[in-house]
Amino acid sequence: YIMLGMNDVGLYGAQDSVKNFTDLMALILEKSPDLIVYVQSVTPMTATSTLKALTNEKIMEYNALIQAACEENGWYYLDIAQVMTGQDGCLPRSYCSDPDDMGIHFTEQACALWADYLKTHTVIP
């Protein structure tokens, strides 16, 4: 299970972050070619996040590109963001332990939701 890229997206943008991700995956799979890979989407931020370089729009762009990379490479894509996104397109405050600061870290409630998603959306080939 791999979830990477949120920090990269803020620094390098979606395109370069996906390249970093796929380069890293190539290195991992070179060492473990039979590995079954589950790639998790990056989750959104709260509407009140203080992060300036990262936005939910950039996160959505990255997730779309990561999903395409998964389809291209035969990796399983798990859309964690779908259960962590409120109607406003943001991480709900009730799921965030730092809603008025970084706005990206989870509460216990969100972690339970995430774990339930993994349990119900993981395919054992």
N, C-alpha and C. Protein backbone atom coordinates (compact mmCIF):
# COMPACT_ATOMS: atom_id res chain seq x y z
N TYR A 1 0.86 -1.17 0.00
CA TYR A 1 0.00 0.00 0.00
C TYR A 1 0.90 1.22 0.00
N ILE A 2 0.69 2.08 -0.98
CA ILE A 2 1.54 3.26 -1.12
C ILE A 2 0.66 4.49 -1.28
N MET A 3 0.97 5.51 -0.50
CA MET A 3 0.34 6.82 -0.65
C MET A 3 1.47 7.84 -0.57
N LEU A 4 1.80 8.41 -1.68
CA LEU A 4 2.88 9.39 -1.74
C LEU A 4 2.46 10.56 -2.61
N GLY A 5 3.06 11.70 -2.38
CA GLY A 5 2.91 12.79 -3.31
C GLY A 5 2.39 14.09 -2.78
N MET A 6 1.72 14.10 -1.64
CA MET A 6 1.11 15.34 -1.18
C MET A 6 2.16 16.45 -1.02
N ASN A 7 3.26 16.15 -0.38
CA ASN A 7 4.30 17.17 -0.21
C ASN A 7 4.90 17.56 -1.55
N ASP A 8 5.12 16.58 -2.42
CA ASP A 8 5.68 16.87 -3.74
C ASP A 8 4.78 17.78 -4.56
N VAL A 9 3.49 17.54 -4.50
CA VAL A 9 2.55 18.33 -5.30
C VAL A 9 2.67 19.81 -4.96
N GLY A 10 2.79 20.13 -3.69
CA GLY A 10 2.95 21.52 -3.29
C GLY A 10 4.26 22.13 -3.76
N LEU A 11 5.30 21.30 -3.84
CA LEU A 11 6.63 21.78 -4.23
C LEU A 11 6.85 21.79 -5.75
N TYR A 12 6.42 20.70 -6.41
CA TYR A 12 6.79 20.50 -7.82
C TYR A 12 5.62 20.50 -8.79
N GLY A 13 4.40 20.49 -8.30
CA GLY A 13 3.25 20.40 -9.19
C GLY A 13 2.89 18.95 -9.46
N ALA A 14 1.73 18.75 -10.05
CA ALA A 14 1.19 17.40 -10.25
C ALA A 14 2.01 16.58 -11.24
N GLN A 15 2.35 17.16 -12.38
CA GLN A 15 3.07 16.41 -13.41
C GLN A 15 4.42 15.88 -12.91
N ASP A 16 5.23 16.75 -12.32
CA ASP A 16 6.55 16.34 -11.83
C ASP A 16 6.42 15.37 -10.66
N SER A 17 5.39 15.53 -9.85
CA SER A 17 5.18 14.63 -8.72
C SER A 17 4.83 13.22 -9.19
N VAL A 18 4.05 13.12 -10.25
CA VAL A 18 3.72 11.80 -10.80
C VAL A 18 4.97 11.16 -11.40
N LYS A 19 5.81 11.96 -12.02
CA LYS A 19 7.07 11.43 -12.55
C LYS A 19 7.93 10.90 -11.40
N ASN A 20 8.03 11.67 -10.32
CA ASN A 20 8.78 11.20 -9.15
C ASN A 20 8.21 9.88 -8.64
N PHE A 21 6.90 9.80 -8.58
CA PHE A 21 6.22 8.60 -8.10
C PHE A 21 6.52 7.40 -8.99
N THR A 22 6.36 7.56 -10.29
CA THR A 22 6.59 6.43 -11.19
C THR A 22 8.06 6.03 -11.22
N ASP A 23 8.97 6.99 -11.09
CA ASP A 23 10.40 6.66 -11.00
C ASP A 23 10.67 5.83 -9.74
N LEU A 24 10.08 6.22 -8.63
CA LEU A 24 10.25 5.47 -7.38
C LEU A 24 9.66 4.07 -7.51
N MET A 25 8.50 3.97 -8.11
CA MET A 25 7.87 2.66 -8.30
C MET A 25 8.75 1.76 -9.15
N ALA A 26 9.38 2.31 -10.17
CA ALA A 26 10.28 1.51 -11.01
C ALA A 26 11.43 0.94 -10.18
N LEU A 27 11.97 1.75 -9.28
CA LEU A 27 13.05 1.27 -8.41
C LEU A 27 12.57 0.17 -7.46
N ILE A 28 11.39 0.37 -6.89
CA ILE A 28 10.83 -0.63 -5.97
C ILE A 28 10.58 -1.94 -6.72
N LEU A 29 9.96 -1.84 -7.89
CA LEU A 29 9.61 -3.05 -8.64
C LEU A 29 10.83 -3.73 -9.25
N GLU A 30 11.89 -2.99 -9.44
CA GLU A 30 13.14 -3.59 -9.90
C GLU A 30 13.66 -4.57 -8.85
N LYS A 31 13.51 -4.22 -7.59
CA LYS A 31 13.96 -5.06 -6.47
C LYS A 31 12.94 -6.15 -6.12
N SER A 32 11.66 -5.87 -6.35
CA SER A 32 10.59 -6.81 -6.01
C SER A 32 9.59 -6.88 -7.16
N PRO A 33 9.98 -7.54 -8.25
CA PRO A 33 9.15 -7.52 -9.47
C PRO A 33 7.78 -8.18 -9.33
N ASP A 34 7.59 -9.07 -8.37
CA ASP A 34 6.31 -9.74 -8.21
C ASP A 34 5.39 -9.06 -7.21
N LEU A 35 5.79 -7.89 -6.77
CA LEU A 35 5.03 -7.15 -5.78
C LEU A 35 3.66 -6.75 -6.31
N ILE A 36 2.63 -6.92 -5.51
CA ILE A 36 1.29 -6.42 -5.85
C ILE A 36 1.20 -5.03 -5.25
N VAL A 37 0.92 -4.05 -6.09
CA VAL A 37 0.96 -2.65 -5.67
C VAL A 37 -0.45 -2.08 -5.56
N TYR A 38 -0.75 -1.51 -4.40
CA TYR A 38 -1.99 -0.78 -4.16
C TYR A 38 -1.62 0.67 -3.93
N VAL A 39 -2.00 1.53 -4.85
CA VAL A 39 -1.68 2.96 -4.76
C VAL A 39 -2.92 3.69 -4.27
N GLN A 40 -2.74 4.45 -3.20
CA GLN A 40 -3.85 5.20 -2.62
C GLN A 40 -3.80 6.66 -3.10
N SER A 41 -4.96 7.18 -3.41
CA SER A 41 -5.03 8.60 -3.78
C SER A 41 -4.61 9.46 -2.59
N VAL A 42 -4.22 10.67 -2.90
CA VAL A 42 -3.94 11.66 -1.87
C VAL A 42 -5.27 12.25 -1.44
N THR A 43 -5.38 12.57 -0.17
CA THR A 43 -6.65 13.08 0.36
C THR A 43 -6.66 14.61 0.33
N PRO A 44 -7.85 15.20 0.37
CA PRO A 44 -7.95 16.66 0.30
C PRO A 44 -7.56 17.34 1.60
N MET A 45 -7.50 18.65 1.54
CA MET A 45 -7.23 19.50 2.70
C MET A 45 -8.53 20.17 3.12
N THR A 46 -8.53 20.70 4.34
CA THR A 46 -9.69 21.47 4.79
C THR A 46 -9.76 22.80 4.02
N ALA A 47 -10.91 23.39 4.01
CA ALA A 47 -11.08 24.70 3.38
C ALA A 47 -10.29 25.78 4.11
N THR A 48 -9.96 25.52 5.36
CA THR A 48 -9.25 26.50 6.19
C THR A 48 -7.76 26.21 6.32
N SER A 49 -7.24 25.33 5.49
CA SER A 49 -5.82 24.99 5.54
C SER A 49 -4.96 26.24 5.35
N THR A 50 -3.86 26.30 6.09
CA THR A 50 -2.94 27.43 5.96
C THR A 50 -1.85 27.19 4.92
N LEU A 51 -1.84 26.02 4.32
CA LEU A 51 -0.84 25.72 3.29
C LEU A 51 -1.13 26.56 2.05
N LYS A 52 -0.15 27.22 1.55
CA LYS A 52 -0.35 28.11 0.40
C LYS A 52 0.03 27.45 -0.93
N ALA A 53 1.08 26.62 -0.93
CA ALA A 53 1.55 26.03 -2.18
C ALA A 53 0.70 24.86 -2.64
N LEU A 54 -0.03 24.25 -1.71
CA LEU A 54 -0.84 23.08 -2.03
C LEU A 54 -2.30 23.47 -2.03
N THR A 55 -3.05 22.99 -3.02
CA THR A 55 -4.48 23.26 -3.10
C THR A 55 -5.22 21.96 -3.40
N ASN A 56 -6.50 21.95 -3.13
CA ASN A 56 -7.30 20.78 -3.46
C ASN A 56 -7.38 20.56 -4.97
N GLU A 57 -7.31 21.62 -5.74
CA GLU A 57 -7.31 21.49 -7.20
C GLU A 57 -6.06 20.76 -7.66
N LYS A 58 -4.90 21.10 -7.08
CA LYS A 58 -3.66 20.41 -7.43
C LYS A 58 -3.71 18.95 -6.99
N ILE A 59 -4.30 18.70 -5.83
CA ILE A 59 -4.44 17.33 -5.34
C ILE A 59 -5.31 16.52 -6.28
N MET A 60 -6.42 17.09 -6.74
CA MET A 60 -7.31 16.39 -7.67
C MET A 60 -6.60 16.09 -8.99
N GLU A 61 -5.82 17.05 -9.48
CA GLU A 61 -5.06 16.84 -10.72
C GLU A 61 -4.06 15.69 -10.53
N TYR A 62 -3.35 15.72 -9.42
CA TYR A 62 -2.38 14.66 -9.12
C TYR A 62 -3.07 13.31 -9.05
N ASN A 63 -4.20 13.23 -8.35
CA ASN A 63 -4.90 11.95 -8.23
C ASN A 63 -5.34 11.42 -9.59
N ALA A 64 -5.79 12.28 -10.47
CA ALA A 64 -6.19 11.83 -11.81
C ALA A 64 -4.98 11.29 -12.58
N LEU A 65 -3.85 11.95 -12.44
CA LEU A 65 -2.64 11.49 -13.12
C LEU A 65 -2.11 10.19 -12.51
N ILE A 66 -2.20 10.07 -11.20
CA ILE A 66 -1.76 8.84 -10.54
C ILE A 66 -2.68 7.68 -10.95
N GLN A 67 -3.97 7.94 -11.02
CA GLN A 67 -4.90 6.89 -11.44
C GLN A 67 -4.56 6.43 -12.86
N ALA A 68 -4.26 7.35 -13.75
CA ALA A 68 -3.88 6.99 -15.12
C ALA A 68 -2.59 6.18 -15.12
N ALA A 69 -1.63 6.55 -14.29
CA ALA A 69 -0.37 5.80 -14.20
C ALA A 69 -0.62 4.39 -13.69
N CYS A 70 -1.55 4.24 -12.76
CA CYS A 70 -1.91 2.92 -12.24
C CYS A 70 -2.51 2.06 -13.34
N GLU A 71 -3.42 2.64 -14.10
CA GLU A 71 -4.05 1.89 -15.20
C GLU A 71 -3.00 1.48 -16.23
N GLU A 72 -2.07 2.36 -16.52
CA GLU A 72 -1.02 2.10 -17.49
C GLU A 72 -0.05 1.02 -17.03
N ASN A 73 0.19 0.95 -15.72
CA ASN A 73 1.21 0.04 -15.19
C ASN A 73 0.65 -1.21 -14.51
N GLY A 74 -0.67 -1.34 -14.45
CA GLY A 74 -1.26 -2.52 -13.84
C GLY A 74 -1.25 -2.51 -12.31
N TRP A 75 -1.20 -1.33 -11.72
CA TRP A 75 -1.25 -1.21 -10.27
C TRP A 75 -2.71 -0.96 -9.87
N TYR A 76 -3.07 -1.42 -8.69
CA TYR A 76 -4.41 -1.16 -8.18
C TYR A 76 -4.47 0.28 -7.65
N TYR A 77 -5.52 0.99 -8.01
CA TYR A 77 -5.73 2.36 -7.53
C TYR A 77 -6.87 2.35 -6.52
N LEU A 78 -6.60 2.89 -5.35
CA LEU A 78 -7.60 2.99 -4.29
C LEU A 78 -7.92 4.46 -4.05
N ASP A 79 -9.15 4.85 -4.33
CA ASP A 79 -9.55 6.25 -4.26
C ASP A 79 -9.99 6.62 -2.84
N ILE A 80 -9.01 6.72 -1.95
CA ILE A 80 -9.27 7.08 -0.55
C ILE A 80 -9.93 8.46 -0.49
N ALA A 81 -9.56 9.34 -1.40
CA ALA A 81 -10.09 10.71 -1.39
C ALA A 81 -11.62 10.73 -1.47
N GLN A 82 -12.20 9.74 -2.14
CA GLN A 82 -13.67 9.77 -2.29
C GLN A 82 -14.40 9.71 -0.96
N VAL A 83 -13.83 9.04 0.05
CA VAL A 83 -14.50 8.98 1.35
C VAL A 83 -14.03 10.06 2.31
N MET A 84 -13.02 10.81 1.90
CA MET A 84 -12.47 11.87 2.75
C MET A 84 -12.81 13.26 2.23
N THR A 85 -13.67 13.33 1.23
CA THR A 85 -14.02 14.60 0.61
C THR A 85 -15.46 14.95 0.93
N GLY A 86 -15.66 16.14 1.48
CA GLY A 86 -17.01 16.62 1.75
C GLY A 86 -17.67 17.17 0.50
N GLN A 87 -18.92 17.61 0.64
CA GLN A 87 -19.66 18.16 -0.50
C GLN A 87 -19.00 19.40 -1.08
N ASP A 88 -18.19 20.09 -0.27
CA ASP A 88 -17.51 21.28 -0.76
C ASP A 88 -16.18 20.98 -1.43
N GLY A 89 -15.83 19.69 -1.55
CA GLY A 89 -14.58 19.30 -2.19
C GLY A 89 -13.38 19.32 -1.25
N CYS A 90 -13.63 19.53 0.02
CA CYS A 90 -12.55 19.65 1.02
C CYS A 90 -12.65 18.54 2.06
N LEU A 91 -11.57 18.37 2.81
CA LEU A 91 -11.59 17.45 3.94
C LEU A 91 -12.50 18.05 5.01
N PRO A 92 -13.51 17.30 5.45
CA PRO A 92 -14.39 17.83 6.49
C PRO A 92 -13.63 18.09 7.80
N ARG A 93 -14.01 19.13 8.49
CA ARG A 93 -13.36 19.48 9.76
C ARG A 93 -13.39 18.32 10.75
N SER A 94 -14.47 17.56 10.75
CA SER A 94 -14.59 16.45 11.70
C SER A 94 -13.59 15.33 11.43
N TYR A 95 -13.00 15.32 10.24
CA TYR A 95 -12.00 14.31 9.89
C TYR A 95 -10.57 14.83 10.09
N CYS A 96 -10.44 16.08 10.51
CA CYS A 96 -9.12 16.71 10.54
C CYS A 96 -8.72 17.10 11.96
N SER A 97 -7.50 16.72 12.35
CA SER A 97 -7.00 17.05 13.68
C SER A 97 -6.37 18.45 13.74
N ASP A 98 -6.11 19.06 12.60
CA ASP A 98 -5.51 20.40 12.56
C ASP A 98 -6.21 21.28 11.51
N PRO A 99 -7.53 21.44 11.62
CA PRO A 99 -8.30 22.10 10.55
C PRO A 99 -7.92 23.56 10.29
N ASP A 100 -7.42 24.26 11.29
CA ASP A 100 -7.08 25.67 11.10
C ASP A 100 -5.58 25.90 10.98
N ASP A 101 -4.85 24.81 10.80
CA ASP A 101 -3.41 24.90 10.58
C ASP A 101 -3.13 24.25 9.21
N MET A 102 -2.41 23.16 9.17
CA MET A 102 -2.13 22.52 7.89
C MET A 102 -3.39 21.99 7.22
N GLY A 103 -4.32 21.50 8.03
CA GLY A 103 -5.60 21.03 7.47
C GLY A 103 -5.51 19.75 6.68
N ILE A 104 -4.56 18.87 7.03
CA ILE A 104 -4.39 17.62 6.27
C ILE A 104 -4.31 16.37 7.15
N HIS A 105 -4.16 16.53 8.44
CA HIS A 105 -3.96 15.37 9.31
C HIS A 105 -5.30 14.86 9.85
N PHE A 106 -5.39 13.54 10.01
CA PHE A 106 -6.66 12.89 10.32
C PHE A 106 -6.96 12.75 11.80
N THR A 107 -8.24 12.71 12.09
CA THR A 107 -8.75 12.34 13.41
C THR A 107 -8.89 10.82 13.45
N GLU A 108 -9.19 10.28 14.63
CA GLU A 108 -9.45 8.85 14.75
C GLU A 108 -10.63 8.43 13.87
N GLN A 109 -11.65 9.27 13.81
CA GLN A 109 -12.81 8.97 12.98
C GLN A 109 -12.41 8.81 11.51
N ALA A 110 -11.57 9.69 11.03
CA ALA A 110 -11.11 9.61 9.63
C ALA A 110 -10.24 8.37 9.41
N CYS A 111 -9.39 8.06 10.37
CA CYS A 111 -8.54 6.87 10.25
C CYS A 111 -9.38 5.60 10.19
N ALA A 112 -10.45 5.55 10.97
CA ALA A 112 -11.34 4.40 10.94
C ALA A 112 -12.02 4.29 9.57
N LEU A 113 -12.44 5.41 9.03
CA LEU A 113 -13.06 5.44 7.70
C LEU A 113 -12.08 4.96 6.64
N TRP A 114 -10.86 5.41 6.73
CA TRP A 114 -9.78 5.03 5.81
C TRP A 114 -9.54 3.51 5.90
N ALA A 115 -9.42 2.99 7.10
CA ALA A 115 -9.19 1.56 7.29
C ALA A 115 -10.36 0.74 6.73
N ASP A 116 -11.58 1.19 6.97
CA ASP A 116 -12.75 0.49 6.45
C ASP A 116 -12.74 0.48 4.92
N TYR A 117 -12.34 1.60 4.32
CA TYR A 117 -12.25 1.67 2.87
C TYR A 117 -11.25 0.65 2.35
N LEU A 118 -10.08 0.58 2.98
CA LEU A 118 -9.07 -0.38 2.54
C LEU A 118 -9.58 -1.81 2.65
N LYS A 119 -10.27 -2.10 3.73
CA LYS A 119 -10.79 -3.46 3.94
C LYS A 119 -11.81 -3.85 2.88
N THR A 120 -12.60 -2.88 2.44
CA THR A 120 -13.68 -3.20 1.51
C THR A 120 -13.32 -2.98 0.03
N HIS A 121 -12.17 -2.39 -0.23
CA HIS A 121 -11.80 -2.09 -1.62
C HIS A 121 -10.50 -2.74 -2.07
N THR A 122 -9.93 -3.57 -1.27
CA THR A 122 -8.71 -4.25 -1.65
C THR A 122 -9.05 -5.58 -2.30
N VAL A 123 -8.48 -5.81 -3.46
CA VAL A 123 -8.71 -7.03 -4.22
C VAL A 123 -7.49 -7.94 -4.02
N ILE A 124 -7.74 -9.15 -3.63
CA ILE A 124 -6.66 -10.11 -3.52
C ILE A 124 -6.68 -10.94 -4.81
N PRO A 125 -5.65 -10.76 -5.65
CA PRO A 125 -5.64 -11.49 -6.93
C PRO A 125 -5.37 -12.99 -6.75
